[in-house]
Amino acid sequence: MEYWQQGWVWVVAGVVLGVLEMLIPGFVFLGFAIGAVIVGALIWIGVLGHALPLTLLIFAVVSVVTWLVLRRVLGVRHGQTKHWDRDINEN
């Protein structure tokens, strides 16, 4: 059995990506982390695990959808960006 066919490998990868998200915040790795954990769960219950291209496709789709949902729910808020209307060096 190949390493990518084992659910615990995907879950560990998700945990590592989650730790990276804590070190580098900004929703960069969080979607990938959740996607990896979901793929690991799907392999454990027997839905995935035989074809690498299908497993990677499911991982990519789940990661992008998760990232988009997180961006919509927790993303940029109105008024979060600061717009400067004058220069600090102007008198």
C-alpha atoms as a PDB file:
ATOM      1  CA  MET A   1       0.000   0.000   0.000  1.00  0.00           C
ATOM      2  CA  GLU A   2       1.359   3.380  -1.015  1.00  0.00           C
ATOM      3  CA  TYR A   3       1.784   6.089   1.611  1.00  0.00           C
ATOM      4  CA  TRP A   4      -0.807   8.372  -0.047  1.00  0.00           C
ATOM      5  CA  GLN A   5      -3.419   5.605   0.320  1.00  0.00           C
ATOM      6  CA  GLN A   6      -3.242   5.757   4.111  1.00  0.00           C
ATOM      7  CA  GLY A   7      -5.629   8.100   5.863  1.00  0.00           C
ATOM      8  CA  TRP A   8      -3.312   8.941   8.742  1.00  0.00           C
ATOM      9  CA  VAL A   9      -0.771  10.433   6.301  1.00  0.00           C
ATOM     10  CA  TRP A  10      -3.378  12.909   5.044  1.00  0.00           C
ATOM     11  CA  VAL A  11      -4.499  13.766   8.580  1.00  0.00           C
ATOM     12  CA  VAL A  12      -0.899  14.361   9.693  1.00  0.00           C
ATOM     13  CA  ALA A  13      -0.352  16.544   6.620  1.00  0.00           C
ATOM     14  CA  GLY A  14      -3.482  18.489   7.586  1.00  0.00           C
ATOM     15  CA  VAL A  15      -2.186  18.999  11.116  1.00  0.00           C
ATOM     16  CA  VAL A  16       1.196  20.182   9.791  1.00  0.00           C
ATOM     17  CA  LEU A  17      -0.550  22.625   7.460  1.00  0.00           C
ATOM     18  CA  GLY A  18      -2.697  23.797  10.381  1.00  0.00           C
ATOM     19  CA  VAL A  19       0.425  24.509  12.411  1.00  0.00           C
ATOM     20  CA  LEU A  20       1.876  26.423   9.458  1.00  0.00           C
ATOM     21  CA  GLU A  21      -1.330  28.461   9.364  1.00  0.00           C
ATOM     22  CA  MET A  22      -0.798  29.429  13.003  1.00  0.00           C
ATOM     23  CA  LEU A  23       2.769  30.488  12.226  1.00  0.00           C
ATOM     24  CA  ILE A  24       1.863  32.312   8.996  1.00  0.00           C
ATOM     25  CA  PRO A  25      -1.695  33.623   9.464  1.00  0.00           C
ATOM     26  CA  GLY A  26      -3.871  34.814   6.628  1.00  0.00           C
ATOM     27  CA  PHE A  27      -5.907  31.786   5.509  1.00  0.00           C
ATOM     28  CA  VAL A  28      -3.047  30.600   3.288  1.00  0.00           C
ATOM     29  CA  PHE A  29      -2.748  27.025   4.561  1.00  0.00           C
ATOM     30  CA  LEU A  30      -6.054  26.584   6.410  1.00  0.00           C
ATOM     31  CA  GLY A  31      -8.029  25.511   3.342  1.00  0.00           C
ATOM     32  CA  PHE A  32      -5.354  22.970   2.445  1.00  0.00           C
ATOM     33  CA  ALA A  33      -5.273  21.701   6.037  1.00  0.00           C
ATOM     34  CA  ILE A  34      -9.015  21.124   6.140  1.00  0.00           C
ATOM     35  CA  GLY A  35      -8.906  19.557   2.680  1.00  0.00           C
ATOM     36  CA  ALA A  36      -6.189  17.125   3.749  1.00  0.00           C
ATOM     37  CA  VAL A  37      -8.090  16.106   6.890  1.00  0.00           C
ATOM     38  CA  ILE A  38     -11.278  15.538   4.873  1.00  0.00           C
ATOM     39  CA  VAL A  39      -9.397  13.432   2.299  1.00  0.00           C
ATOM     40  CA  GLY A  40      -7.841  11.450   5.153  1.00  0.00           C
ATOM     41  CA  ALA A  41     -11.308  10.823   6.591  1.00  0.00           C
ATOM     42  CA  LEU A  42     -12.621   9.756   3.184  1.00  0.00           C
ATOM     43  CA  ILE A  43      -9.743   7.285   2.836  1.00  0.00           C
ATOM     44  CA  TRP A  44     -10.396   5.905   6.332  1.00  0.00           C
ATOM     45  CA  ILE A  45     -14.064   5.263   5.602  1.00  0.00           C
ATOM     46  CA  GLY A  46     -13.151   3.630   2.290  1.00  0.00           C
ATOM     47  CA  VAL A  47     -14.455   6.166  -0.238  1.00  0.00           C
ATOM     48  CA  LEU A  48     -11.033   7.130  -1.651  1.00  0.00           C
ATOM     49  CA  GLY A  49      -7.579   5.661  -1.844  1.00  0.00           C
ATOM     50  CA  HIS A  50      -7.161   3.615  -5.004  1.00  0.00           C
ATOM     51  CA  ALA A  51      -6.360   6.222  -7.647  1.00  0.00           C
ATOM     52  CA  LEU A  52      -3.883   9.011  -6.943  1.00  0.00           C
ATOM     53  CA  PRO A  53      -5.266  11.426  -9.582  1.00  0.00           C
ATOM     54  CA  LEU A  54      -8.788  11.134  -8.148  1.00  0.00           C
ATOM     55  CA  THR A  55      -7.499  11.588  -4.600  1.00  0.00           C
ATOM     56  CA  LEU A  56      -5.543  14.708  -5.598  1.00  0.00           C
ATOM     57  CA  LEU A  57      -8.541  16.071  -7.497  1.00  0.00           C
ATOM     58  CA  ILE A  58     -10.803  15.616  -4.465  1.00  0.00           C
ATOM     59  CA  PHE A  59      -8.132  17.240  -2.270  1.00  0.00           C
ATOM     60  CA  ALA A  60      -7.862  20.225  -4.623  1.00  0.00           C
ATOM     61  CA  VAL A  61     -11.611  20.723  -4.955  1.00  0.00           C
ATOM     62  CA  VAL A  62     -12.284  20.400  -1.211  1.00  0.00           C
ATOM     63  CA  SER A  63      -9.379  22.737  -0.409  1.00  0.00           C
ATOM     64  CA  VAL A  64     -10.528  25.445  -2.824  1.00  0.00           C
ATOM     65  CA  VAL A  65     -14.161  25.223  -1.715  1.00  0.00           C
ATOM     66  CA  THR A  66     -13.080  25.357   1.939  1.00  0.00           C
ATOM     67  CA  TRP A  67     -10.828  28.334   1.266  1.00  0.00           C
ATOM     68  CA  LEU A  68     -13.629  30.181  -0.528  1.00  0.00           C
ATOM     69  CA  VAL A  69     -16.085  29.503   2.307  1.00  0.00           C
ATOM     70  CA  LEU A  70     -13.539  30.634   4.913  1.00  0.00           C
ATOM     71  CA  ARG A  71     -12.791  33.739   2.885  1.00  0.00           C
ATOM     72  CA  ARG A  72     -16.505  34.541   2.667  1.00  0.00           C
ATOM     73  CA  VAL A  73     -17.212  33.886   6.360  1.00  0.00           C
ATOM     74  CA  LEU A  74     -14.007  35.108   8.016  1.00  0.00           C
ATOM     75  CA  GLY A  75     -12.363  37.120   5.253  1.00  0.00           C
ATOM     76  CA  VAL A  76     -12.004  40.798   4.559  1.00  0.00           C
ATOM     77  CA  ARG A  77     -14.447  42.934   6.483  1.00  0.00           C
ATOM     78  CA  HIS A  78     -15.849  46.242   5.280  1.00  0.00           C
ATOM     79  CA  GLY A  79     -13.666  49.095   6.440  1.00  0.00           C
ATOM     80  CA  GLN A  80     -10.708  46.826   7.211  1.00  0.00           C
ATOM     81  CA  THR A  81      -8.431  48.462   4.634  1.00  0.00           C
ATOM     82  CA  LYS A  82      -6.884  51.788   5.609  1.00  0.00           C
ATOM     83  CA  HIS A  83      -6.950  54.407   2.841  1.00  0.00           C
ATOM     84  CA  TRP A  84      -4.485  57.242   3.277  1.00  0.00           C
ATOM     85  CA  ASP A  85      -5.713  60.630   2.074  1.00  0.00           C
ATOM     86  CA  ARG A  86      -2.646  62.690   2.966  1.00  0.00           C
ATOM     87  CA  ASP A  87       1.079  62.147   3.150  1.00  0.00           C
ATOM     88  CA  ILE A  88       2.847  62.266   6.527  1.00  0.00           C
ATOM     89  CA  ASN A  89       5.478  64.549   5.024  1.00  0.00           C
ATOM     90  CA  GLU A  90       2.997  67.179   3.875  1.00  0.00           C
ATOM     91  CA  ASN A  91       2.636  70.309   6.025  1.00  0.00           C
END
